[in-house]
Amino acid sequence: MPDDVGDQRQLVWPERETIILGHDMDPKAMEPYGAALSAYFEGDANAEVIVRRDDGEESKLPISYFFRQPSAFTPIENAAIDYCTGHVLDVGAGTGVHTLALQEKGFQVTAIDVNSAAVQIMTRRGVKDVHRADLFKCQYEPVDTILMMGHGIGMVETIEGLDRFLIHARGLLSEEGQILLDSLDVRTTGDPKNLAYHESNRRAGRYIGEIRVQFEYQGKHGPFCGWLHVDGGTLKEHAAKAGWKCDVVLEENTGNYLARLTKERGRHT
């Protein structure tokens, strides 16, 4: 456990309820996901959410995944927990699976999520410091680690959104602070439908990892929203432009990877 785990710096949250995820994403897009979380938490062990891409491809995601124990964490998740230092800001914390694991280790952790159902669940599960808030709308003293797991960086929606985030995040961290995030290199796929989707993005002048998805639960769905899967090379390129040193610290043959971003010395972007 790091020596600075007990740092008691305070965060200040906006009083208004206007939550704008990634500047542009409609918060209603995540409401079916929140409803499914609540259903599972209240006893529906079979709750699942449908994730539908804008080309019609869809998959069912069991909500039990969001309530897994640390013993079920992936190597990437375990590595991210090990890399955490100081005061951790868990962004898009969901049901608090990583927040609770860090609390158990003695860390000071602040969890934020734009989904009100997720925030209520985290509170009931024992997360000590949780807020319904958008990362782009918070004002607070710098933290030491920004943690974005579960492909949470996807909430920036586009490469342009990634650039905005990388500039904004510099003001959220201490000088020795870090961002820990996982994402996916979609180029590892061999699925013809995915490859066709990538080609469609290329023809439209978009980055291949920019997708549009819709969440549905029990027949109710939200509006389509953007989600970004960014490969490690592209992340490094854009991070460097914003004054970050980016290292891919763990990579799997599935295309999933963990990246660690730290501030470049002497850069004040």
Foldseek 3Di string as FASTA:
>chain_A
DDPQQPPDFDWDADPDLDADFLNPWDPLLCQQVLVLLVVVVVPPQARWKWKAFPVGDIDIGRSVVLVDAPVPDDPLLVVVLVPDDHEEEEEQCFQPRSVVVNVVVRGHYAYEHLHPSSQVNNVVVPRDHYDNHHPQRIDGAATAEYEQEPLNVQSNQAPVSVLVCLLVCVRRHDQFHKYKYKFFDLVLDPDPVLVVQLVVCVVVVGHSQKTWIWMDGPHDIGDITITGGDAPVSSCVSNVVSAWHKDFPAADSRRMTMIMIHGHPPDDD
